[in-house]
Amino acid sequence: MNYEKELLKAHKKYEEKKYEEAVLIYDNLFCKISNPTINLIKEYAICLQKRLRYEESLKLTDIVLLKNPNDADMLLNYCICLGKQNKHAEALELYERILKFNEKYRIQIGYYAYLLGRTGNYEKADYYYKIALEYESQNLWYISHYAFFLQKLKRYREAEMYYKKAIKNDSNNSWLIKRYAFFIYEMSGKDSAYLYYKDLITRDLSNYNYYINAAELAIISNDKDIAFRFLCKTDKLDKPLVIEIILLFYWGVYFICKKEYEKLNDSIKEMSLLRKNYTSYIDRDLTDLEEYVNNNFDKFQRKLYITIFNIMSTGVK
């Protein structure tokens, strides 16, 4: 059969960066095409990566790299797929492979800076963040992640400047708001951070991210009753499937903290069932929570935490 019309439609969606629509077409067509072109494989792989379906994307990327080990598009795709799964050292190696044959490569150069920072190459990371912001001065991902990077280096005045710049231009970004709340927590204490969330919630009572992120802050602050109240406030809110799974993960963390293991088991069962209906990787910034877990949980609790994290992020294998 001739699938030219469908492929053209998928390609157009890809060029328009409508990856969700493109991947639906590719999902239906790809298995029907006996000899797909390299460009088709590349586009499908990148669409899968954009939809957080990293393992599937990596398999297609391998096909292209087997034929052309220096394909920069696919090396970058591989880098992102690994980095988003917290395999930062491996991801870094792939980006540096690109730079070996093209030292002026600038696509996602801010992500390279991020990987350098996550692997302890702070001076080099700072250098490349600055290059990234020279190259794309309005890239809010670069701006916000540079702010977080500066915070970790305790360069607070600079960090605050970049946080405020990012929030001014992207005030609904839940990751950015969460990071700024933790910045306030670090600078001024938990009460100031709670006030920040209270103000946000007053302005938008239906935003489930505010309650979940505030609950995470409360867990880390050892305010278990406050965490409970924030989590409960999401009960009557409409939530997509991915948020239902994330919320069950945080309930799981709460039950581990409280050592309420029967309730934890109920959450695990429910989360496992829901996870079967969601195929994408769930990428969640747990920097602060994992530090809390490592410092406060005993060996048994840490094992339980790893269990619920694995179910949330990738599902039950």
Protein backbone atom coordinates (compact mmCIF):
# COMPACT_ATOMS: atom_id res chain seq x y z
CA MET A 1 0.00 0.00 0.00
CA ASN A 2 1.01 3.62 -0.54
CA TYR A 3 1.14 5.64 2.69
CA GLU A 4 2.43 8.83 1.08
CA LYS A 5 -0.46 11.04 2.20
CA GLU A 6 -0.27 9.89 5.81
CA LEU A 7 3.52 10.24 5.89
CA LEU A 8 3.31 13.72 4.44
CA LYS A 9 0.78 14.68 7.10
CA ALA A 10 3.03 13.27 9.85
CA HIS A 11 6.03 15.11 8.42
CA LYS A 12 4.08 18.37 8.40
CA LYS A 13 3.06 17.88 12.04
CA TYR A 14 6.70 17.13 12.87
CA GLU A 15 7.88 20.34 11.19
CA GLU A 16 5.19 22.29 13.06
CA LYS A 17 6.51 20.70 16.29
CA LYS A 18 3.13 19.10 16.91
CA TYR A 19 4.84 15.96 18.16
CA GLU A 20 1.83 14.40 19.86
CA GLU A 21 -0.15 14.46 16.61
CA ALA A 22 2.84 13.31 14.54
CA VAL A 23 3.63 10.36 16.79
CA LEU A 24 0.05 9.09 16.59
CA ILE A 25 0.37 8.85 12.81
CA TYR A 26 3.82 7.27 12.99
CA ASP A 27 2.64 4.75 15.60
CA ASN A 28 0.01 3.54 13.16
CA LEU A 29 2.18 3.54 10.04
CA PHE A 30 5.68 2.54 11.03
CA CYS A 31 5.05 -1.18 11.51
CA LYS A 32 3.32 -1.32 8.11
CA ILE A 33 6.28 0.03 6.15
CA SER A 34 8.72 -2.71 5.18
CA ASN A 35 11.71 -0.50 4.37
CA PRO A 36 11.42 2.89 6.11
CA THR A 37 13.81 5.65 5.05
CA ILE A 38 16.46 6.98 7.41
CA ASN A 39 14.66 10.34 7.56
CA LEU A 40 11.44 8.62 8.57
CA ILE A 41 13.20 6.68 11.32
CA LYS A 42 14.86 9.88 12.57
CA GLU A 43 11.63 11.84 12.66
CA TYR A 44 9.79 9.05 14.46
CA ALA A 45 12.64 8.66 16.97
CA ILE A 46 12.63 12.38 17.75
CA CYS A 47 8.83 12.42 18.10
CA LEU A 48 9.03 9.53 20.55
CA GLN A 49 11.68 11.39 22.54
CA LYS A 50 9.50 14.51 22.66
CA ARG A 51 6.65 12.36 24.00
CA LEU A 52 8.98 10.92 26.69
CA ARG A 53 8.91 7.43 25.18
CA TYR A 54 12.65 7.14 25.61
CA GLU A 55 13.23 3.41 25.31
CA GLU A 56 11.35 3.21 22.01
CA SER A 57 13.20 6.25 20.73
CA LEU A 58 16.57 4.76 21.63
CA LYS A 59 15.86 1.58 19.65
CA LEU A 60 15.20 3.60 16.49
CA THR A 61 18.18 5.84 17.15
CA ASP A 62 20.42 2.77 17.31
CA ILE A 63 19.31 1.80 13.80
CA VAL A 64 20.42 5.15 12.39
CA LEU A 65 23.70 5.30 14.34
CA LEU A 66 24.60 1.81 13.16
CA LYS A 67 24.64 3.18 9.61
CA ASN A 68 26.06 6.60 10.48
CA PRO A 69 27.81 6.79 13.89
CA ASN A 70 28.34 10.54 13.48
CA ASP A 71 24.73 11.53 12.81
CA ALA A 72 24.53 14.61 15.04
CA ASP A 73 20.70 14.60 15.17
CA MET A 74 20.62 11.06 16.50
CA LEU A 75 23.57 11.51 18.86
CA LEU A 76 21.73 14.48 20.33
CA ASN A 77 18.51 12.46 20.50
CA TYR A 78 20.34 9.64 22.30
CA CYS A 79 21.92 12.19 24.64
CA ILE A 80 18.55 13.67 25.58
CA CYS A 81 16.88 10.27 26.05
CA LEU A 82 19.62 9.21 28.47
CA GLY A 83 19.85 12.55 30.26
CA LYS A 84 16.10 12.69 30.87
CA GLN A 85 16.38 9.30 32.56
CA ASN A 86 19.07 10.70 34.88
CA LYS A 87 21.92 8.90 33.06
CA HIS A 88 23.87 12.13 32.99
CA ALA A 89 27.42 10.82 32.55
CA GLU A 90 26.44 8.66 29.57
CA ALA A 91 24.48 11.53 28.04
CA LEU A 92 27.43 13.87 28.46
CA GLU A 93 29.72 11.51 26.55
CA LEU A 94 27.33 11.55 23.60
CA TYR A 95 27.18 15.34 23.41
CA GLU A 96 30.96 15.50 23.57
CA ARG A 97 31.12 13.06 20.65
CA ILE A 98 29.27 15.65 18.59
CA LEU A 99 31.68 18.40 19.68
CA LYS A 100 34.67 16.29 18.64
CA PHE A 101 33.67 16.49 15.00
CA ASN A 102 31.89 19.86 15.20
CA GLU A 103 33.27 22.08 17.94
CA LYS A 104 30.92 24.92 16.93
CA TYR A 105 27.78 22.81 17.39
CA ARG A 106 25.22 24.87 19.29
CA ILE A 107 21.95 22.93 19.17
CA GLN A 108 20.83 22.29 22.77
CA ILE A 109 24.17 23.67 24.01
CA GLY A 110 22.38 24.70 27.20
CA TYR A 111 21.51 21.05 27.77
CA TYR A 112 25.22 20.27 27.49
CA ALA A 113 25.83 22.89 30.20
CA TYR A 114 23.15 21.23 32.33
CA LEU A 115 24.81 17.81 31.94
CA LEU A 116 28.17 19.29 32.88
CA GLY A 117 26.62 20.72 36.03
CA ARG A 118 24.94 17.44 36.94
CA THR A 119 28.27 15.60 36.62
CA GLY A 120 30.25 18.06 38.77
CA ASN A 121 31.99 20.00 35.98
CA TYR A 122 30.89 23.31 37.47
CA GLU A 123 33.40 25.70 35.92
CA LYS A 124 32.88 24.26 32.45
CA ALA A 125 29.10 24.23 32.98
CA ASP A 126 29.13 27.92 33.88
CA TYR A 127 31.14 28.66 30.73
CA TYR A 128 28.71 26.80 28.47
CA TYR A 129 25.60 28.23 30.15
CA LYS A 130 26.94 31.68 29.26
CA ILE A 131 27.58 30.57 25.68
CA ALA A 132 24.06 29.12 25.52
CA LEU A 133 22.52 32.38 26.72
CA GLU A 134 24.58 34.38 24.24
CA TYR A 135 23.33 32.09 21.50
CA GLU A 136 19.68 32.01 22.67
CA SER A 137 19.21 34.86 25.12
CA GLN A 138 15.44 34.31 25.46
CA ASN A 139 15.54 30.54 25.92
CA LEU A 140 13.60 30.14 29.17
CA TRP A 141 14.84 26.58 29.74
CA TYR A 142 18.42 27.87 29.69
CA ILE A 143 17.56 30.84 31.92
CA SER A 144 15.69 28.80 34.55
CA HIS A 145 18.22 25.97 34.68
CA TYR A 146 21.07 28.43 34.92
CA ALA A 147 19.27 29.99 37.90
CA PHE A 148 19.06 26.56 39.56
CA PHE A 149 22.72 25.93 38.77
CA LEU A 150 23.74 29.26 40.33
CA GLN A 151 21.65 28.48 43.40
CA LYS A 152 23.51 25.19 43.88
CA LEU A 153 26.77 27.16 43.73
CA LYS A 154 25.32 29.54 46.36
CA ARG A 155 25.57 32.48 43.97
CA TYR A 156 22.22 33.65 45.28
CA ARG A 157 22.01 37.20 43.92
CA GLU A 158 22.65 35.99 40.38
CA ALA A 159 20.30 33.05 40.84
CA GLU A 160 17.47 35.29 41.99
CA MET A 161 17.95 37.58 38.99
CA TYR A 162 17.65 34.66 36.56
CA TYR A 163 14.72 33.10 38.44
CA LYS A 164 12.76 36.36 38.31
CA LYS A 165 13.55 36.82 34.63
CA ALA A 166 12.30 33.32 33.86
CA ILE A 167 9.12 33.65 35.96
CA LYS A 168 8.32 37.01 34.38
CA ASN A 169 8.19 35.30 31.00
CA ASP A 170 6.85 31.88 32.04
CA SER A 171 4.73 32.34 35.15
CA ASN A 172 2.79 29.08 34.68
CA ASN A 173 5.79 26.76 34.50
CA SER A 174 5.27 24.34 37.39
CA TRP A 175 8.92 23.20 37.50
CA LEU A 176 10.14 26.79 37.60
CA ILE A 177 7.67 27.74 40.35
CA LYS A 178 8.72 24.70 42.36
CA ARG A 179 12.39 25.56 42.00
CA TYR A 180 11.77 29.18 43.01
CA ALA A 181 9.81 28.02 46.07
CA PHE A 182 12.79 25.91 47.14
CA PHE A 183 15.02 28.92 46.50
CA ILE A 184 12.83 30.95 48.88
CA TYR A 185 12.98 28.05 51.35
CA GLU A 186 16.76 28.04 51.21
CA MET A 187 17.03 31.82 51.50
CA SER A 188 14.23 32.71 53.92
CA GLY A 189 12.90 29.52 55.48
CA LYS A 190 9.88 27.27 55.07
CA ASP A 191 7.28 29.78 56.30
CA SER A 192 8.19 32.17 53.48
CA ALA A 193 7.96 29.32 50.99
CA TYR A 194 4.53 28.31 52.32
CA LEU A 195 3.37 31.92 51.96
CA TYR A 196 4.56 31.88 48.36
CA TYR A 197 2.45 28.79 47.66
CA LYS A 198 -0.50 30.22 49.60
CA ASP A 199 -0.47 33.28 47.37
CA LEU A 200 -0.30 31.16 44.21
CA ILE A 201 -3.14 28.90 45.38
CA THR A 202 -5.33 31.89 46.29
CA ARG A 203 -5.00 33.07 42.70
CA ASP A 204 -5.66 29.63 41.19
CA LEU A 205 -7.48 27.18 43.46
CA SER A 206 -7.64 24.49 40.76
CA ASN A 207 -3.91 24.19 40.06
CA TYR A 208 -3.02 20.71 41.32
CA ASN A 209 0.72 21.33 40.82
CA TYR A 210 0.72 23.96 43.57
CA TYR A 211 -0.72 21.53 46.12
CA ILE A 212 1.56 18.65 45.11
CA ASN A 213 4.70 20.78 45.14
CA ALA A 214 3.74 22.42 48.42
CA ALA A 215 3.19 18.94 49.89
CA GLU A 216 6.68 17.94 48.77
CA LEU A 217 8.10 21.00 50.50
CA ALA A 218 6.17 20.09 53.66
CA ILE A 219 7.49 16.51 53.61
CA ILE A 220 11.05 17.79 53.31
CA SER A 221 10.37 20.26 56.13
CA ASN A 222 9.07 17.41 58.35
CA ASP A 223 5.63 19.04 58.44
CA LYS A 224 3.69 15.84 57.84
CA ASP A 225 0.30 17.25 58.84
CA ILE A 226 0.72 20.14 56.42
CA ALA A 227 1.77 17.72 53.67
CA PHE A 228 -1.37 15.66 54.35
CA ARG A 229 -3.61 18.72 54.03
CA PHE A 230 -2.03 19.80 50.75
CA LEU A 231 -2.36 16.32 49.26
CA CYS A 232 -5.99 16.05 50.36
CA LYS A 233 -6.84 19.31 48.61
CA THR A 234 -6.26 17.63 45.25
CA ASP A 235 -9.06 15.07 45.82
CA LYS A 236 -11.84 16.97 44.07
CA LEU A 237 -9.71 18.49 41.29
CA ASP A 238 -9.78 17.24 37.71
CA LYS A 239 -6.40 15.68 36.96
CA PRO A 240 -4.89 13.98 33.90
CA LEU A 241 -3.68 10.40 34.28
CA VAL A 242 -0.03 11.39 34.63
CA ILE A 243 -0.87 13.65 37.59
CA GLU A 244 -2.93 10.89 39.23
CA ILE A 245 0.18 8.69 39.08
CA ILE A 246 2.46 11.44 40.42
CA LEU A 247 0.01 12.19 43.22
CA LEU A 248 -0.04 8.53 44.26
CA PHE A 249 3.75 8.60 44.32
CA TYR A 250 3.69 11.50 46.80
CA TRP A 251 1.05 9.75 48.89
CA GLY A 252 3.46 6.81 48.90
CA VAL A 253 6.30 9.00 50.15
CA TYR A 254 4.01 10.38 52.85
CA PHE A 255 3.01 6.87 53.99
CA ILE A 256 6.67 5.81 54.09
CA CYS A 257 7.43 8.82 56.29
CA LYS A 258 4.56 7.88 58.59
CA LYS A 259 5.43 4.16 58.41
CA GLU A 260 1.84 3.43 57.40
CA TYR A 261 2.76 0.47 55.25
CA GLU A 262 -0.72 -0.98 54.69
CA LYS A 263 -1.82 2.33 53.16
CA LEU A 264 1.43 2.38 51.18
CA ASN A 265 0.62 -1.03 49.70
CA ASP A 266 -2.81 0.24 48.63
CA SER A 267 -1.17 3.22 46.91
CA ILE A 268 1.34 0.95 45.17
CA LYS A 269 -1.43 -1.29 43.84
CA GLU A 270 -3.44 1.65 42.53
CA MET A 271 -0.38 3.35 41.02
CA SER A 272 0.70 0.11 39.31
CA LEU A 273 -2.73 -0.28 37.72
CA LEU A 274 -2.82 3.30 36.46
CA ARG A 275 0.77 3.09 35.19
CA LYS A 276 -0.19 0.31 32.77
CA ASN A 277 -2.32 2.86 30.91
CA TYR A 278 0.46 5.44 30.57
CA THR A 279 3.33 4.46 28.26
CA SER A 280 5.61 7.50 28.53
CA TYR A 281 8.44 8.01 30.98
CA ILE A 282 7.45 10.33 33.83
CA ASP A 283 10.18 12.90 34.33
CA ARG A 284 10.04 14.52 37.77
CA ASP A 285 12.57 16.78 39.47
CA LEU A 286 13.16 15.06 42.82
CA THR A 287 16.49 16.72 43.66
CA ASP A 288 15.43 17.95 47.09
CA LEU A 289 13.20 15.00 47.94
CA GLU A 290 15.93 12.46 47.20
CA GLU A 291 18.38 14.37 49.37
CA TYR A 292 15.80 14.24 52.17
CA VAL A 293 15.25 10.50 51.62
CA ASN A 294 18.98 9.76 51.69
CA ASN A 295 19.44 11.73 54.91
CA ASN A 296 16.31 10.70 56.80
CA PHE A 297 15.05 7.29 55.65
CA ASP A 298 16.40 4.03 57.00
CA LYS A 299 17.47 1.20 54.68
CA PHE A 300 13.98 -0.34 54.55
CA GLN A 301 12.31 3.01 53.85
CA ARG A 302 14.81 3.82 51.09
CA LYS A 303 14.06 0.48 49.45
CA LEU A 304 10.35 1.29 49.49
CA TYR A 305 11.06 4.73 48.06
CA ILE A 306 12.99 3.18 45.14
CA THR A 307 10.05 0.86 44.52
CA ILE A 308 7.49 3.65 44.20
CA PHE A 309 9.90 5.82 42.22
CA ASN A 310 10.41 3.04 39.67
CA ILE A 311 6.67 2.47 39.33
CA MET A 312 6.04 6.19 38.84
CA SER A 313 8.85 6.84 36.36
CA THR A 314 8.80 3.75 34.15
CA GLY A 315 6.04 1.44 35.40
CA VAL A 316 6.28 -2.17 36.50
CA LYS A 317 8.58 -4.17 34.23
